[in-house]
Amino acid sequence: MPNLPAPPDDQPRNPLHGLTLQHIVEALVDYYGWEGLGQRIAVRCFTDDPSVASSLKFLRKTPWAREKVEGLYLFTLRESRRQQR
């Protein structure tokens, strides 16, 4: 998981503030790979001919899938920080 900048002062407890959906998807792909991401979130944009562009297009139109991706990102971020301790 790449090092993330500290959240701005206006939302200090929101780890997603200031991050783009593209950054989140790319970080998850770097961490899990497409196959691992598709196993954790079973949507075709991650399993059938995946790409960042197709995933962003789908996630921007599908709120429930975007919530799952953001949730997985937050979980991964917590686990990564926990392992660093």
Protein backbone atom coordinates (compact mmCIF):
# COMPACT_ATOMS: atom_id res chain seq x y z
CA MET A 1 0.00 0.00 0.00
CA PRO A 2 1.57 3.32 -0.98
CA ASN A 3 2.27 5.94 1.64
CA LEU A 4 -0.69 8.27 1.91
CA PRO A 5 -0.53 11.95 2.76
CA ALA A 6 -2.08 13.10 6.02
CA PRO A 7 -5.75 14.06 5.63
CA PRO A 8 -6.39 17.79 5.33
CA ASP A 9 -7.44 19.66 8.47
CA ASP A 10 -11.08 19.98 7.38
CA GLN A 11 -11.60 16.18 7.54
CA PRO A 12 -8.80 14.77 9.69
CA ARG A 13 -10.56 11.45 10.40
CA ASN A 14 -11.66 10.65 6.84
CA PRO A 15 -8.94 8.50 5.20
CA LEU A 16 -10.71 8.71 1.81
CA HIS A 17 -10.78 12.51 1.73
CA GLY A 18 -8.69 13.83 -1.13
CA LEU A 19 -8.24 10.44 -2.80
CA THR A 20 -9.56 9.79 -6.27
CA LEU A 21 -11.38 6.61 -7.18
CA GLN A 22 -8.59 5.94 -9.67
CA HIS A 23 -5.99 6.10 -6.90
CA ILE A 24 -8.01 3.68 -4.78
CA VAL A 25 -8.45 1.17 -7.63
CA GLU A 26 -4.77 1.36 -8.62
CA ALA A 27 -3.65 0.89 -5.01
CA LEU A 28 -5.87 -2.19 -4.63
CA VAL A 29 -4.62 -3.64 -7.92
CA ASP A 30 -1.02 -3.05 -6.81
CA TYR A 31 -1.73 -4.77 -3.50
CA TYR A 32 -3.96 -7.69 -4.56
CA GLY A 33 -3.61 -7.90 -8.34
CA TRP A 34 -6.66 -8.19 -10.59
CA GLU A 35 -7.24 -11.83 -9.67
CA GLY A 36 -7.14 -11.16 -5.93
CA LEU A 37 -9.35 -8.11 -6.31
CA GLY A 38 -11.86 -10.14 -8.33
CA GLN A 39 -11.91 -12.80 -5.62
CA ARG A 40 -12.65 -10.23 -2.93
CA ILE A 41 -15.20 -8.24 -4.93
CA ALA A 42 -16.90 -10.43 -7.52
CA VAL A 43 -17.76 -8.01 -10.31
CA ARG A 44 -16.97 -8.56 -13.98
CA CYS A 45 -14.91 -5.39 -14.33
CA PHE A 46 -12.32 -7.07 -12.06
CA THR A 47 -12.56 -10.61 -13.45
CA ASP A 48 -13.20 -10.40 -17.22
CA ASP A 49 -10.54 -8.49 -19.17
CA PRO A 50 -9.95 -6.00 -16.33
CA SER A 51 -8.55 -2.52 -16.75
CA VAL A 52 -8.50 0.59 -14.62
CA ALA A 53 -10.55 2.50 -17.20
CA SER A 54 -13.34 -0.08 -17.42
CA SER A 55 -13.40 -0.46 -13.65
CA LEU A 56 -13.71 3.30 -13.11
CA LYS A 57 -16.53 3.53 -15.65
CA PHE A 58 -18.46 0.77 -13.88
CA LEU A 59 -17.75 1.98 -10.34
CA ARG A 60 -18.82 5.55 -11.11
CA LYS A 61 -22.22 4.27 -12.28
CA THR A 62 -22.70 1.64 -9.56
CA PRO A 63 -22.82 3.01 -6.01
CA TRP A 64 -22.98 -0.39 -4.25
CA ALA A 65 -19.83 -1.59 -6.04
CA ARG A 66 -18.00 1.65 -5.29
CA GLU A 67 -18.89 1.25 -1.59
CA LYS A 68 -17.41 -2.26 -1.63
CA VAL A 69 -14.20 -0.99 -3.24
CA GLU A 70 -13.88 1.87 -0.76
CA GLY A 71 -14.59 -0.53 2.11
CA LEU A 72 -11.93 -2.96 0.91
CA TYR A 73 -9.47 -0.07 0.58
CA LEU A 74 -10.16 1.04 4.16
CA PHE A 75 -9.85 -2.54 5.44
CA THR A 76 -6.56 -3.00 3.58
CA LEU A 77 -5.27 0.31 4.91
CA ARG A 78 -6.11 -0.69 8.51
CA GLU A 79 -4.52 -4.13 8.10
CA SER A 80 -1.41 -2.63 6.52
CA ARG A 81 -1.01 -0.16 9.39
CA ARG A 82 -1.65 -2.91 11.94
CA GLN A 83 1.09 -5.07 10.44
CA GLN A 84 3.58 -2.20 10.55
CA ARG A 85 3.29 -1.95 14.34
